[in-house]
Structures are given as structure tokens and as C-alpha cells.
Protein backbone atom coordinates (compact mmCIF):
# COMPACT_ATOMS: atom_id res chain seq x y z
CA UNK A 1 -23.98 105.71 -42.78
CA UNK A 2 -25.85 105.40 -46.05
CA UNK A 3 -22.97 103.31 -47.43
CA UNK A 4 -23.28 100.80 -44.57
CA UNK A 5 -27.04 100.62 -44.97
CA UNK A 6 -26.64 99.93 -48.65
CA UNK A 7 -24.00 97.29 -47.99
CA UNK A 8 -26.21 95.49 -45.41
CA UNK A 9 -29.24 95.68 -47.67
CA UNK A 10 -27.22 94.26 -50.59
CA UNK A 11 -26.00 91.36 -48.43
CA UNK A 12 -29.55 90.66 -47.20
CA UNK A 13 -30.81 90.60 -50.77
CA UNK A 14 -28.00 88.19 -51.68
CA UNK A 15 -29.09 85.90 -48.85
CA UNK A 16 -32.72 86.23 -49.85
CA UNK A 17 -33.59 87.67 -46.42
CA UNK A 18 -35.79 90.47 -47.63
CA UNK A 19 -39.03 88.59 -46.88
CA UNK A 20 -40.55 88.23 -43.40
CA UNK A 21 -40.55 84.46 -43.76
CA UNK A 22 -36.81 84.23 -44.40
CA UNK A 23 -36.02 86.80 -41.72
CA UNK A 24 -37.96 84.74 -39.14
CA UNK A 25 -36.16 81.61 -40.31
CA UNK A 26 -32.74 83.25 -40.05
CA UNK A 27 -33.53 84.81 -36.66
CA UNK A 28 -34.82 81.50 -35.24
CA UNK A 29 -31.77 79.58 -36.40
CA UNK A 30 -29.35 82.19 -35.06
CA UNK A 31 -31.30 82.57 -31.79
CA UNK A 32 -31.10 78.81 -31.32
CA UNK A 33 -27.60 78.20 -32.63
CA UNK A 34 -25.70 80.92 -30.74
CA UNK A 35 -27.02 80.08 -27.22
CA UNK A 36 -26.59 76.38 -28.00
CA UNK A 37 -22.95 76.82 -28.96
CA UNK A 38 -22.30 79.00 -25.90
CA UNK A 39 -23.97 76.43 -23.65
CA UNK A 40 -21.96 73.62 -25.23
CA UNK A 41 -18.69 75.44 -24.62
CA UNK A 42 -19.58 75.98 -20.96
CA UNK A 43 -20.75 72.38 -20.74
CA UNK A 44 -17.40 71.04 -21.96
CA UNK A 45 -15.51 73.48 -19.76
CA UNK A 46 -17.20 72.03 -16.69
CA UNK A 47 -17.70 68.45 -17.85
CA UNK A 48 -15.61 66.86 -15.07
CA UNK A 49 -18.13 68.01 -12.48
CA UNK A 50 -21.41 68.19 -14.40
CA UNK A 51 -21.02 64.95 -16.42
CA UNK A 52 -20.57 62.94 -13.21
CA UNK A 53 -23.78 64.18 -11.55
CA UNK A 54 -25.87 61.23 -12.68
CA UNK A 55 -23.38 58.66 -11.40
CA UNK A 56 -22.90 60.56 -8.14
CA UNK A 57 -26.65 60.75 -7.56
CA UNK A 58 -26.92 57.01 -8.16
CA UNK A 59 -24.16 56.35 -5.65
CA UNK A 60 -25.65 58.74 -3.11
CA UNK A 61 -29.06 57.12 -3.52
CA UNK A 62 -27.59 53.63 -3.08
CA UNK A 63 -25.61 54.52 0.07
CA UNK A 64 -28.49 56.49 1.60
CA UNK A 65 -31.04 53.76 0.88
CA UNK A 66 -28.70 51.08 2.26
CA UNK A 67 -28.12 53.07 5.47
CA UNK A 68 -31.86 53.63 5.90
CA UNK A 69 -32.77 49.98 5.19
CA UNK A 70 -30.09 48.63 7.55
CA UNK A 71 -31.21 51.00 10.31
CA UNK A 72 -34.79 49.80 9.76
CA UNK A 73 -33.60 46.16 9.78
CA UNK A 74 -31.87 46.71 13.14
CA UNK A 75 -34.88 48.45 14.69
CA UNK A 76 -37.19 45.62 13.58
CA UNK A 77 -34.90 42.99 15.13
CA UNK A 78 -34.61 44.95 18.37
CA UNK A 79 -38.41 45.38 18.48
CA UNK A 80 -38.82 41.61 18.00
CA UNK A 81 -36.37 40.94 20.83
CA UNK A 82 -38.04 43.46 23.15
CA UNK A 83 -41.40 41.82 22.46
CA UNK A 84 -39.95 38.37 23.20
CA UNK A 85 -38.07 39.58 26.30
CA UNK A 86 -41.20 41.30 27.59
CA UNK A 87 -43.15 38.03 27.80
CA UNK A 88 -44.16 37.03 31.30
CA UNK A 89 -42.71 33.55 30.55
CA UNK A 90 -39.17 34.95 30.56
CA UNK A 91 -39.42 37.15 33.65
CA UNK A 92 -41.46 34.65 35.69
CA UNK A 93 -39.27 31.61 34.99
CA UNK A 94 -36.00 33.53 35.27
CA UNK A 95 -37.04 34.57 38.76
CA UNK A 96 -37.81 30.92 39.67
CA UNK A 97 -34.51 29.39 38.53
CA UNK A 98 -32.93 29.42 41.98
CA UNK A 99 -36.01 28.04 43.73
CA UNK A 100 -37.56 24.63 44.08
CA UNK A 101 -39.14 24.86 40.65
CA UNK A 102 -35.79 25.68 39.04
CA UNK A 103 -35.68 22.64 36.73
CA UNK A 104 -39.23 23.18 35.46
CA UNK A 105 -38.57 26.90 35.02
CA UNK A 106 -35.39 26.16 33.05
CA UNK A 107 -37.30 23.79 30.77
CA UNK A 108 -40.01 26.35 30.13
CA UNK A 109 -37.38 28.99 29.36
CA UNK A 110 -35.62 26.73 26.86
CA UNK A 111 -38.88 25.79 25.17
CA UNK A 112 -39.88 29.45 24.93
CA UNK A 113 -36.49 30.45 23.49
CA UNK A 114 -36.62 27.67 20.89
CA UNK A 115 -40.18 28.67 19.95
CA UNK A 116 -39.21 32.34 19.69
CA UNK A 117 -36.19 31.49 17.53
CA UNK A 118 -38.40 29.64 15.04
CA UNK A 119 -40.38 32.87 14.56
CA UNK A 120 -37.25 34.95 14.03
CA UNK A 121 -35.45 33.67 10.90
CA UNK A 122 -32.30 35.81 11.27
CA UNK A 123 -31.70 34.68 14.87
CA UNK A 124 -29.28 31.78 15.00
CA UNK A 125 -29.49 31.50 18.79
CA UNK A 126 -31.32 33.09 21.73
CA UNK A 127 -29.89 33.18 25.25
CA UNK A 128 -30.94 34.42 28.66
CA UNK A 129 -28.08 35.80 30.77
CA UNK A 130 -28.52 36.56 34.48
CA UNK A 131 -27.26 39.78 36.15
CA UNK A 132 -23.99 38.06 37.00
CA UNK A 133 -23.20 37.40 33.33
CA UNK A 134 -23.95 33.67 33.46
CA UNK A 135 -25.88 32.03 30.60
CA UNK A 136 -28.86 30.36 32.27
CA UNK A 137 -30.86 29.19 29.26
CA UNK A 138 -30.48 28.96 25.50
CA UNK A 139 -32.46 27.99 22.43
CA UNK A 140 -31.62 25.25 20.00
CA UNK A 141 -29.13 26.30 17.36
CA UNK A 142 -25.52 27.44 17.23
CA UNK A 143 -24.84 29.44 20.37
CA UNK A 144 -21.09 29.63 19.99
CA UNK A 145 -19.59 33.10 19.84
CA UNK A 146 -22.42 34.73 21.78
CA UNK A 147 -20.84 36.92 24.39
CA UNK A 148 -21.43 40.37 25.80
CA UNK A 149 -18.74 43.03 26.30
CA UNK A 150 -17.40 43.31 29.88
CA UNK A 151 -19.52 46.38 30.56
CA UNK A 152 -22.50 45.11 28.55
CA UNK A 153 -24.68 44.15 31.51
CA UNK A 154 -24.04 47.48 33.21
CA UNK A 155 -25.07 49.28 30.03
CA UNK A 156 -28.27 47.22 29.83
CA UNK A 157 -29.23 48.07 33.41
CA UNK A 158 -29.76 51.69 32.41
CA UNK A 159 -30.10 51.47 28.62
CA UNK A 160 -32.61 50.02 26.22
CA UNK A 161 -30.45 47.77 24.01
CA UNK A 162 -26.88 46.64 23.35
CA UNK A 163 -25.49 46.24 19.83
CA UNK A 164 -22.27 44.26 19.59
CA UNK A 165 -19.50 44.39 17.00
CA UNK A 166 -19.86 42.37 13.78
CA UNK A 167 -17.62 39.29 13.54
CA UNK A 168 -17.10 36.28 11.31
CA UNK A 169 -18.76 33.15 12.71
CA UNK A 170 -16.79 30.17 11.44
CA UNK A 171 -19.53 27.70 12.41
CA UNK A 172 -22.11 29.58 10.36
CA UNK A 173 -19.75 30.53 7.59
CA UNK A 174 -21.35 33.99 7.72
CA UNK A 175 -20.90 37.36 9.33
CA UNK A 176 -22.83 37.70 12.58
CA UNK A 177 -23.67 40.21 15.28
CA UNK A 178 -24.84 39.96 18.90
CA UNK A 179 -27.82 42.00 20.15
CA UNK A 180 -29.13 42.19 23.71
CA UNK A 181 -32.10 43.83 25.42
CA UNK A 182 -32.82 43.99 29.15
CA UNK A 183 -35.26 41.68 30.92
CA UNK A 184 -37.20 43.53 33.58
CA UNK A 185 -39.99 42.84 35.97
CA UNK A 186 -43.19 44.86 35.84
CA UNK A 187 -41.77 47.22 38.47
CA UNK A 188 -38.65 47.81 36.33
CA UNK A 189 -36.24 45.56 38.30
CA UNK A 190 -33.39 44.32 36.06
CA UNK A 191 -33.42 40.50 35.84
CA UNK A 192 -30.90 39.87 33.08
CA UNK A 193 -30.23 40.14 29.36
CA UNK A 194 -32.18 38.63 26.47
CA UNK A 195 -29.39 38.00 23.97
CA UNK A 196 -29.41 36.89 20.32
CA UNK A 197 -26.87 35.98 17.70
CA UNK A 198 -28.01 37.19 14.27
CA UNK A 199 -26.48 36.18 10.99
CA UNK A 200 -26.16 39.04 8.54
CA UNK A 201 -27.31 37.22 5.40
CA UNK A 202 -30.37 39.51 5.16
CA UNK A 203 -28.08 42.55 5.24
CA UNK A 204 -25.85 40.96 2.60
CA UNK A 205 -28.89 40.33 0.37
CA UNK A 206 -29.98 43.93 0.91
CA UNK A 207 -26.57 45.23 -0.19
CA UNK A 208 -26.68 43.02 -3.26
CA UNK A 209 -30.15 44.33 -4.16
CA UNK A 210 -29.25 48.01 -3.69
CA UNK A 211 -25.75 47.84 -5.20
CA UNK A 212 -25.08 49.97 -8.31
CA UNK A 213 -24.83 48.08 -11.58
CA UNK A 214 -21.58 46.20 -12.22
CA UNK A 215 -18.76 47.30 -11.87
CA UNK A 216 -20.17 49.43 -9.03
CA UNK A 217 -20.01 48.18 -5.47
CA UNK A 218 -21.77 48.74 -2.13
CA UNK A 219 -20.24 47.78 1.20
CA UNK A 220 -20.41 48.36 4.94
CA UNK A 221 -17.56 49.74 7.02
CA UNK A 222 -17.13 50.39 10.75
CA UNK A 223 -16.24 53.79 12.18
CA UNK A 224 -12.63 52.55 12.40
CA UNK A 225 -12.50 51.77 8.67
CA UNK A 226 -12.81 47.98 8.99
CA UNK A 227 -14.95 46.32 6.30
CA UNK A 228 -17.99 44.27 7.35
CA UNK A 229 -19.83 43.15 4.19
CA UNK A 230 -19.67 43.78 0.45
CA UNK A 231 -22.53 43.45 -1.99
CA UNK A 232 -20.74 40.62 -3.81
CA UNK A 233 -18.33 39.27 -1.16
CA UNK A 234 -18.72 38.02 2.42
CA UNK A 235 -15.75 36.35 4.08
CA UNK A 236 -13.51 36.32 7.12
CA UNK A 237 -10.70 37.86 5.03
CA UNK A 238 -12.98 40.74 4.09
CA UNK A 239 -13.72 41.46 7.75
CA UNK A 240 -9.99 41.66 8.41
CA UNK A 241 -9.59 44.25 5.64
CA UNK A 242 -9.26 47.90 6.60
CA UNK A 243 -9.44 51.04 4.47
CA UNK A 244 -6.47 53.41 4.77
CA UNK A 245 -7.04 55.83 7.64
CA UNK A 246 -6.75 58.84 5.35
CA UNK A 247 -9.37 57.50 2.92
CA UNK A 248 -11.79 56.58 5.71
CA UNK A 249 -11.35 59.99 7.35
CA UNK A 250 -12.10 61.83 4.10
CA UNK A 251 -15.21 59.71 3.45
CA UNK A 252 -16.60 60.36 6.94
CA UNK A 253 -15.66 64.03 6.76
CA UNK A 254 -17.55 64.50 3.48
CA UNK A 255 -20.56 62.34 4.28
CA UNK A 256 -23.26 62.67 1.61
CA UNK A 257 -20.76 64.03 -0.96
CA UNK A 258 -18.77 62.33 -3.70
CA UNK A 259 -15.13 61.53 -2.95
CA UNK A 260 -12.47 60.35 -5.44
CA UNK A 261 -9.95 57.89 -3.97
CA UNK A 262 -7.90 54.83 -4.83
CA UNK A 263 -8.85 51.24 -4.12
CA UNK A 264 -6.27 48.83 -2.77
CA UNK A 265 -5.32 47.84 -6.34
CA UNK A 266 -4.70 51.46 -7.31
CA UNK A 267 -7.93 51.92 -9.29
CA UNK A 268 -9.48 55.39 -9.10
CA UNK A 269 -13.09 55.27 -7.86
CA UNK A 270 -15.85 57.71 -6.94
CA UNK A 271 -17.65 56.92 -3.67
CA UNK A 272 -20.28 58.32 -1.30
CA UNK A 273 -20.83 57.46 2.38
CA UNK A 274 -23.86 57.43 4.68
CA UNK A 275 -23.72 56.52 8.39
CA UNK A 276 -25.84 53.90 10.18
CA UNK A 277 -25.66 55.54 13.66
CA UNK A 278 -26.97 52.72 15.88
CA UNK A 279 -24.49 50.22 14.48
CA UNK A 280 -21.52 52.62 14.22
CA UNK A 281 -21.32 51.52 10.58
CA UNK A 282 -21.39 53.38 7.31
CA UNK A 283 -22.72 52.35 3.88
CA UNK A 284 -20.37 53.21 1.00
CA UNK A 285 -21.36 53.05 -2.68
CA UNK A 286 -18.57 53.36 -5.22
CA UNK A 287 -18.07 53.29 -8.97
CA UNK A 288 -14.84 53.28 -11.05
CA UNK A 289 -14.11 56.80 -12.24
CA UNK A 290 -13.69 55.57 -15.82
CA UNK A 291 -17.20 54.12 -15.73
CA UNK A 292 -18.56 57.40 -14.45
CA UNK A 293 -16.96 59.24 -17.41
CA UNK A 294 -18.25 56.60 -19.84
CA UNK A 295 -21.82 57.27 -18.73
CA UNK A 296 -21.15 60.98 -18.99
CA UNK A 297 -19.92 60.48 -22.55
CA UNK A 298 -23.13 58.72 -23.48
CA UNK A 299 -25.10 61.57 -21.97
CA UNK A 300 -23.00 64.05 -23.98
CA UNK A 301 -23.76 62.21 -27.22
CA UNK A 302 -27.46 62.23 -26.45
CA UNK A 303 -27.26 65.95 -25.71
CA UNK A 304 -25.57 66.58 -29.08
CA UNK A 305 -28.31 64.66 -30.90
CA UNK A 306 -30.95 66.61 -29.02
CA UNK A 307 -29.29 69.90 -30.05
CA UNK A 308 -29.32 68.84 -33.70
CA UNK A 309 -32.94 67.78 -33.46
CA UNK A 310 -33.75 71.09 -31.75
CA UNK A 311 -32.13 73.05 -34.56
CA UNK A 312 -34.06 71.07 -37.18
CA UNK A 313 -37.32 71.52 -35.30
CA UNK A 314 -36.80 75.24 -34.80
CA UNK A 315 -35.97 75.66 -38.46
CA UNK A 316 -39.12 73.84 -39.50
CA UNK A 317 -41.31 75.78 -37.08
CA UNK A 318 -39.77 79.08 -38.17
CA UNK A 319 -40.39 78.20 -41.84
CA UNK A 320 -44.05 77.37 -41.15
CA UNK A 321 -44.51 80.48 -39.03
CA UNK A 322 -42.98 82.56 -41.81
CA UNK A 323 -45.61 81.21 -44.19
CA UNK A 324 -48.53 81.79 -41.82
CA UNK A 325 -47.62 84.87 -39.83
CA UNK A 326 -48.73 87.61 -42.20
CA UNK A 327 -52.38 86.60 -42.19
CA UNK A 328 -52.93 86.24 -38.40
CA UNK A 329 -50.72 89.20 -37.55
CA UNK A 330 -53.64 91.65 -37.44
CA UNK A 331 -55.72 89.27 -35.32
CA UNK A 332 -52.78 88.84 -32.94
CA UNK A 333 -52.40 92.61 -32.55
CA UNK A 334 -56.10 93.04 -31.83
CA UNK A 335 -56.08 90.21 -29.28
CA UNK A 336 -52.98 91.67 -27.57
CA UNK A 337 -54.71 95.05 -27.23
CA UNK A 338 -57.78 93.45 -25.63
CA UNK A 339 -55.58 91.57 -23.17
CA UNK A 340 -53.77 94.75 -22.15
CA UNK A 341 -57.13 96.46 -21.47
CA UNK A 342 -58.71 93.51 -19.63
CA UNK A 343 -59.03 92.94 -15.90
CA UNK A 344 -56.62 90.18 -14.66
CA UNK A 345 -58.22 88.36 -11.71
CA UNK A 346 -56.63 85.96 -9.27
CA UNK A 347 -58.28 82.99 -11.03
CA UNK A 348 -56.37 81.38 -13.87
CA UNK A 349 -57.94 82.64 -17.14
CA UNK A 350 -59.17 80.09 -19.68
CA UNK A 351 -57.01 80.26 -22.80
CA UNK A 352 -59.58 79.54 -25.52
CA UNK A 353 -61.30 76.43 -26.88
CA UNK A 354 -58.14 74.52 -27.84
CA UNK A 355 -55.92 72.22 -25.79
CA UNK A 356 -54.63 75.08 -23.67
CA UNK A 357 -58.17 76.18 -22.86
CA UNK A 358 -59.18 72.62 -21.91
CA UNK A 359 -56.12 72.27 -19.70
CA UNK A 360 -56.85 75.60 -17.98
CA UNK A 361 -60.45 74.62 -17.28
CA UNK A 362 -59.31 71.25 -15.95
CA UNK A 363 -56.82 72.99 -13.67
CA UNK A 364 -59.47 75.37 -12.30
CA UNK A 365 -61.80 72.44 -11.70
CA UNK A 366 -59.02 70.52 -9.97
CA UNK A 367 -58.26 73.44 -7.65
CA UNK A 368 -61.93 73.81 -6.80
CA UNK A 369 -62.29 70.10 -6.04
CA UNK A 370 -59.16 70.12 -3.91
CA UNK A 371 -60.59 72.96 -1.86
CA UNK A 372 -63.86 71.07 -1.46
CA UNK A 373 -62.02 67.89 -0.51
CA UNK A 374 -59.96 69.71 2.10
CA UNK A 375 -63.12 71.12 3.64
CA UNK A 376 -64.74 67.69 3.59
CA UNK A 377 -61.71 66.07 5.24
CA UNK A 378 -61.84 68.66 8.02
CA UNK A 379 -65.54 67.97 8.57
CA UNK A 380 -64.86 64.21 8.74
CA UNK A 381 -62.08 64.78 11.29
CA UNK A 382 -64.36 66.90 13.44
CA UNK A 383 -67.10 64.25 13.26
CA UNK A 384 -64.93 61.56 14.90
CA UNK A 385 -62.99 63.61 17.46
CA UNK A 386 -63.86 65.23 20.76
CA UNK A 387 -63.83 69.02 20.45
CA UNK A 388 -62.18 69.64 23.84
CA UNK A 389 -59.44 67.00 24.06
CA UNK A 390 -58.85 66.16 20.40
CA UNK A 391 -59.23 62.44 21.24
CA UNK A 392 -61.59 60.16 19.37
CA UNK A 393 -65.22 60.58 20.37
CA UNK A 394 -67.62 57.91 21.55
CA UNK A 395 -69.09 57.35 18.09
CA UNK A 396 -65.71 56.47 16.59
CA UNK A 397 -64.80 54.43 19.68
CA UNK A 398 -67.81 52.15 19.41
CA UNK A 399 -67.09 51.54 15.74
CA UNK A 400 -63.50 50.63 16.60
CA UNK A 401 -64.62 48.26 19.36
CA UNK A 402 -67.03 46.48 17.00
CA UNK A 403 -64.28 46.06 14.40
CA UNK A 404 -61.72 44.84 16.95
CA UNK A 405 -64.19 42.39 18.51
CA UNK A 406 -64.85 40.88 15.08
CA UNK A 407 -61.13 40.76 14.37
CA UNK A 408 -60.46 39.13 17.74
CA UNK A 409 -63.01 36.41 17.04
CA UNK A 410 -61.67 35.85 13.54
CA UNK A 411 -57.96 35.72 14.41
CA UNK A 412 -58.34 34.47 18.01
CA UNK A 413 -56.16 37.25 19.33
CA UNK A 414 -57.02 39.17 22.46
CA UNK A 415 -57.20 42.90 22.96
CA UNK A 416 -57.88 44.91 26.12
CA UNK A 417 -59.62 48.09 27.16
CA UNK A 418 -58.89 50.57 29.95
CA UNK A 419 -61.80 52.55 31.37
CA UNK A 420 -60.28 55.48 33.29
CA UNK A 421 -62.11 57.98 35.44
CA UNK A 422 -60.75 61.14 37.10
CA UNK A 423 -61.30 60.85 40.86
CA UNK A 424 -63.41 63.57 42.55
CA UNK A 425 -63.60 65.47 39.27
CA UNK A 426 -66.95 67.07 40.04
CA UNK A 427 -65.55 68.46 43.28
CA UNK A 428 -62.46 69.69 41.40
CA UNK A 429 -64.65 71.31 38.75
CA UNK A 430 -66.92 72.98 41.31
CA UNK A 431 -63.98 74.27 43.35
CA UNK A 432 -61.75 75.59 40.58
CA UNK A 433 -64.24 76.32 37.82
CA UNK A 434 -65.02 74.81 34.43
CA UNK A 435 -61.97 76.30 32.64
CA UNK A 436 -59.67 74.60 35.14
CA UNK A 437 -61.65 71.37 34.75
CA UNK A 438 -61.37 71.55 30.97
CA UNK A 439 -57.62 72.20 31.24
CA UNK A 440 -57.28 69.14 33.49
CA UNK A 441 -59.14 66.95 30.96
CA UNK A 442 -56.90 68.21 28.15
CA UNK A 443 -53.78 67.43 30.21
CA UNK A 444 -55.07 63.93 31.03
CA UNK A 445 -55.80 63.36 27.33
CA UNK A 446 -52.23 64.36 26.48
CA UNK A 447 -50.87 61.90 29.06
CA UNK A 448 -53.01 59.13 27.56
CA UNK A 449 -51.62 59.86 24.10
CA UNK A 450 -48.02 59.80 25.29
CA UNK A 451 -48.34 56.61 27.34
CA UNK A 452 -50.02 54.53 24.62
CA UNK A 453 -48.95 53.35 21.18
CA UNK A 454 -49.91 54.99 17.91
CA UNK A 455 -51.97 51.92 16.94
CA UNK A 456 -54.09 52.09 20.10
CA UNK A 457 -57.42 53.94 20.15
CA UNK A 458 -57.73 56.60 22.88
CA UNK A 459 -61.19 58.14 23.23
CA UNK A 460 -63.17 60.35 25.55
CA UNK A 461 -65.97 58.08 26.69
CA UNK A 462 -67.96 60.82 28.38
CA UNK A 463 -67.46 63.57 30.95
CA UNK A 464 -64.29 62.77 32.88
CA UNK A 465 -64.19 59.15 31.65
CA UNK A 466 -61.70 57.95 29.04
CA UNK A 467 -61.49 54.59 27.27
CA UNK A 468 -58.33 53.15 25.70
CA UNK A 469 -58.39 50.18 23.28
CA UNK A 470 -55.05 48.33 23.46
CA UNK A 471 -54.66 46.16 20.36
CA UNK A 472 -53.32 42.60 20.74
CA UNK A 473 -52.72 43.15 24.45
CA UNK A 474 -53.53 40.78 27.32
CA UNK A 475 -55.15 41.96 30.52
CA UNK A 476 -51.83 41.61 32.40
CA UNK A 477 -49.99 43.89 29.99
CA UNK A 478 -52.95 46.26 29.89
CA UNK A 479 -52.83 46.51 33.69
CA UNK A 480 -49.15 47.54 33.40
CA UNK A 481 -50.12 50.24 30.90
CA UNK A 482 -52.94 51.34 33.20
CA UNK A 483 -50.55 51.59 36.14
CA UNK A 484 -48.20 53.71 34.03
CA UNK A 485 -51.07 56.05 33.14
CA UNK A 486 -52.21 56.23 36.77
CA UNK A 487 -48.70 57.06 37.97
CA UNK A 488 -48.20 59.74 35.33
CA UNK A 489 -51.47 61.46 36.20
CA UNK A 490 -50.72 61.28 39.93
CA UNK A 491 -47.28 62.83 39.36
CA UNK A 492 -48.55 65.60 37.09
CA UNK A 493 -49.05 69.12 38.40
CA UNK A 494 -52.60 70.41 37.81
CA UNK A 495 -53.93 73.92 38.38
CA UNK A 496 -56.02 72.82 41.34
CA UNK A 497 -53.40 70.51 42.84
CA UNK A 498 -52.96 66.75 42.65
CA UNK A 499 -55.38 64.60 40.66
CA UNK A 500 -55.69 60.82 40.55
CA UNK A 501 -57.27 58.25 38.25
CA UNK A 502 -59.15 55.03 38.91
CA UNK A 503 -58.83 52.53 36.06
CA UNK A 504 -60.70 49.35 35.21
CA UNK A 505 -59.13 46.80 32.84
CA UNK A 506 -60.88 44.14 30.77
CA UNK A 507 -59.79 41.74 28.04
CA UNK A 508 -61.67 40.45 25.00
CA UNK A 509 -62.89 37.72 24.82
CA UNK A 510 -62.10 36.68 28.44
CA UNK A 511 -64.27 39.40 29.99
CA UNK A 512 -66.73 39.80 27.14
CA UNK A 513 -66.77 39.35 23.37
CA UNK A 514 -69.00 42.29 22.51
CA UNK A 515 -68.30 46.00 23.03
CA UNK A 516 -71.12 46.26 25.56
CA UNK A 517 -69.96 43.28 27.64
CA UNK A 518 -66.34 44.41 27.51
CA UNK A 519 -67.18 47.94 28.63
CA UNK A 520 -69.44 46.54 31.35
CA UNK A 521 -66.57 44.40 32.64
CA UNK A 522 -64.19 47.34 32.62
CA UNK A 523 -66.83 49.48 34.32
CA UNK A 524 -67.28 46.84 37.03
CA UNK A 525 -63.51 46.82 37.60
CA UNK A 526 -63.55 50.63 37.70
CA UNK A 527 -66.37 50.53 40.24
CA UNK A 528 -64.28 48.14 42.34
CA UNK A 529 -61.27 50.50 42.10
CA UNK A 530 -63.45 53.39 43.27
CA UNK A 531 -64.79 51.35 46.15
CA UNK A 532 -61.30 50.29 47.21
CA UNK A 533 -60.17 53.86 47.75
CA UNK A 534 -59.56 55.20 44.21
CA UNK A 535 -56.17 55.98 42.63
CA UNK A 536 -55.64 52.38 41.57
CA UNK A 537 -55.89 49.92 38.67
CA UNK A 538 -58.18 46.90 38.94
CA UNK A 539 -58.48 44.11 36.34
CA UNK A 540 -61.90 42.60 35.63
CA UNK A 541 -62.84 39.10 36.68
CA UNK A 542 -64.44 36.40 34.50
CA UNK A 543 -68.09 36.08 33.46
CA UNK A 544 -69.20 34.64 36.80
CA UNK A 545 -67.64 37.58 38.63
CA UNK A 546 -69.39 40.01 36.28
CA UNK A 547 -72.78 38.39 36.92
CA UNK A 548 -72.13 38.55 40.66
CA UNK A 549 -71.21 42.24 40.37
CA UNK A 550 -74.42 42.95 38.40
CA UNK A 551 -76.53 41.21 41.03
CA UNK A 552 -74.74 43.15 43.80
CA UNK A 553 -75.41 46.46 42.06
CA UNK A 554 -79.07 45.59 41.61
CA UNK A 555 -79.27 44.77 45.31
CA UNK A 556 -77.74 48.14 46.21
CA UNK A 557 -80.19 49.91 43.91
């Protein structure tokens, strides 16, 4: 044993490792070098998988973003079509086509379709198709190729929208698709289909924008493996191209994962797929496998340089520490002993007056301010909401009405209000008790939330009265919304039995251009609904009618 000790000591003296400084230097280099070499060996052993991660993530991001953007594009176009199809001009004139005013109605329909098409840049043509499948009116533009599947009208009778198959439109020289939404009367009766032919140039531009860098590619494919668009190519020949069934099946089977396969020319590529459910399409991003390895090689070279720099830095730090460690060693021991005897609290301790101490103090201050901000946000929420129903309170409502009235005057766009009152609520409350009455108000508030849009303002006006501000909505549409609310409340099961609502509707600026006048008009309509037997929706009249109603109320008083 003594012989080995002497041998090791002799070798250490030969390497000049007898001093603490050199020992620290040697230990730091070995501690850095050995794990680095081991990590490098593992890295190269698994390079086929790990070195491709960056390229795969890029492909996955491109395919996922393309699928999300295309789904959003489709929803926006369908929303535009639903808004256009929901206009009273379409339903009213479509119903009049077979009557004496048929020619005038047809002219109004064509003018409306042409006007709507000008607002919708992707729409090459708009058509109205009656329940028998006959095209009754169309906009200006290229209407060729617009046709619905044989069962399309039947699907629209019960569904919300119809999305056709993509095809190459020779007249446009672009890929196109047909969309259709139902046209219904206020009572839900199916009148026909509002149909549009959309060119897919926006989708092609989107693919080009999201495509991986050259030589990568991004393209759309149907569920059957037929190509629709590529980021750099759009043609009729492309739309006749089909991926091999085996390749398409593997891509769909491993959605969201990287797949290695061969292109038609035999080139090995890495690709990822994401579905676009509504269109029965999928977005596929791909990159040649050689390119993926080239990027990985660059990353490997950077990693090697970083390892060398790390070794140099560790060596320098170890050398400096070796020079300085003897003097602060006693101070470090004393500080460590104090730390072991101290009380560790839940708060983050400040680490001295240096950068670490400043950062710790900043962190503690940040946490404290975040807690204060959270408390403040909760107080602000409570200040604008009704404690029972969770709806906006009257204070917030009046502020919203003032803002919307100013906006309506500035932009010359109408908005409407619904003033709803629970019928015989006092009797209900007296009979079944205040808890049952509160539960009924909460249930009514929930119905109001579910039957209005997120952009609308629903507030508890007072007691059993509720007021809904419907943005950019005419009085006719607001009356439809009010009828929907009334029907939902009447059909709902309450603890004390059936409950009904009387609703007054008013539009700004037709029935008043200030919050007070608008509410007064809605209140007058509500009063009329109450007087007519309750459980109904009544729209307000004009200013003359409001003055007459005021005079009548004064006479009754």
C-alpha cells in the first residue's frame, strides 16, 4: 500500500499537482472533459434521431400552422356567407320570386349578390338555389362550375354548411371550391341554399408564406391522397396527382409525427401531416432527408465548438479559482456554518449586495406586486358584475351604452337593446321563497349568456329586469334574438314551475340616440308586451310613438 502511495505521489509531483491551484485545475478539466466525451459518444450513437429534431420541429410547426390557418380561413368565409345569407333581403325576395313581384324580387336579389361579392374578395360568384336545386339568382362574375352534390340540399336542410370538393376551374386558371349555407326564414323554414364559388389563391399564398425554406415544401392533400395545392405549384395536373396509398396511409396513421418516405422521383424525404377536419384535407410539410442531415451536421459543428470553448472557459476559471481560493476559504467555511444554523423561511432569501442579491430582491418585489395586482383585478371584476348572477351590473351597462351610442353616431351603425322582465316574479318569489327566486334569476342569466354572442353586453338592470346590448344589430334581428330568449325561458324547468319573459326591443338611433332615450323606448315596448298579455316580444315604435306612450302614461298616473 505504501508503495502505491509513493508511486502516486511521485507522479503527482512530476505533473506539478501538489498545489491546490493545480489540483483544482486538473479536477475541473477532467470533470469537464470526461462527461463531455461520454455525452459526445452517446450523441453520435443516436445522431439519426436527435440531429433531425430541429428539422422535424420546423416541419411539424409548418404543417400545424397551415392546418390551423386554413381552418380559420374556412370558418371566416362560412361566417361571411352566413351573415350574407341571413339578410332579410335574401329571404324576403326569395319568397317573392313566384309571385307578382317576381321580376323586382329577382332584380333585388341579383343586386344584393353582386354587392355582397364585392365585399368578399375570394368569392368569384354567389348564387341562390331554391329547394328544388334550381339556380334562381346569381351575382356578376364567373358562375361556371358551381354545383352542389346530389344530396347537398338535403344536407343543408338539417345542417349548418356544405363544403364541396376542391377542383380546377379552367376559366379562372385556379383551384376553386364550392361552399353553401342554408337560407331560412325567421321561423327556421328552409328556403334554399346560399352558394359561393371561392378561388383558393389565398390558401396558396398562405402555403407559400408558411412553407419551410427551399428545398422544403408544403402542400394540401385530400383524405384519399389526392393533391390539392403546393406552396410553389398550382395546376390542373397537380390536382390529378395522387400519393401512393401506402404513403398516404402511413402519414395519416402517424399524424403529428415525422415519417420518412419516397417522393415520386425516388428522393427520400421527411414529412409531417396535420388534418384540416372540416375540409377533409391534410397539410403536409416535407424536407429532403439529405437537407435534414446537413442542418444536423451544422448543429454538430457548433456543438463541438461550444465544447472546446467550454473546456477553455473551465480551465481559465479553475486557474483563477486556484489562485484565489486559499484566502476566502475560511470566510466560506464560516458563512456555510451560519447558513446551516439559520432558519430557512418560505420567502426567497436575498443573496447579498451583488447581482444575485439585486436579482433576488427584484424577484421578491415582483411576486409581491403580482399578488397585489391579482387582488386588484378581482376587486375590479367585482365592481362591474352583479354578485348574484355574475352578469354585468348597471354601472358597467350604462358606461357600455354611452360608448356604443357614441360609436353608433360616429360610424352610423345601429345597435339594439333588449329589456327583459320576468313575468309575475314577485308572486313567484313570495310563493316559493327568495332562494328559489334567486335560483330562477341565475338560470335566466345563464340562458341570456348562451343565447347571445360573446361581443354582446348582458347585464342585470335591476331586480328581475335584464338588459342586453346587441352590437351592430337592427331591431328586426334583435326581435329574433328576443324571441329565442323568450322561448328558451318558457321551455326551461324552474323550481316553482313554468316562467315566462316579456321583452321590449329598441334600436339606436331609430328609437333614441342616448342611453336614456333608448332604455325608455325599450321600456315602453316592454310595458306594451306586459299589457298585451305577457310572454311576448314587442319592438319599440319611432319617436312619435314614444311621445304618445309618455303622454298616455302621464294620463294614467
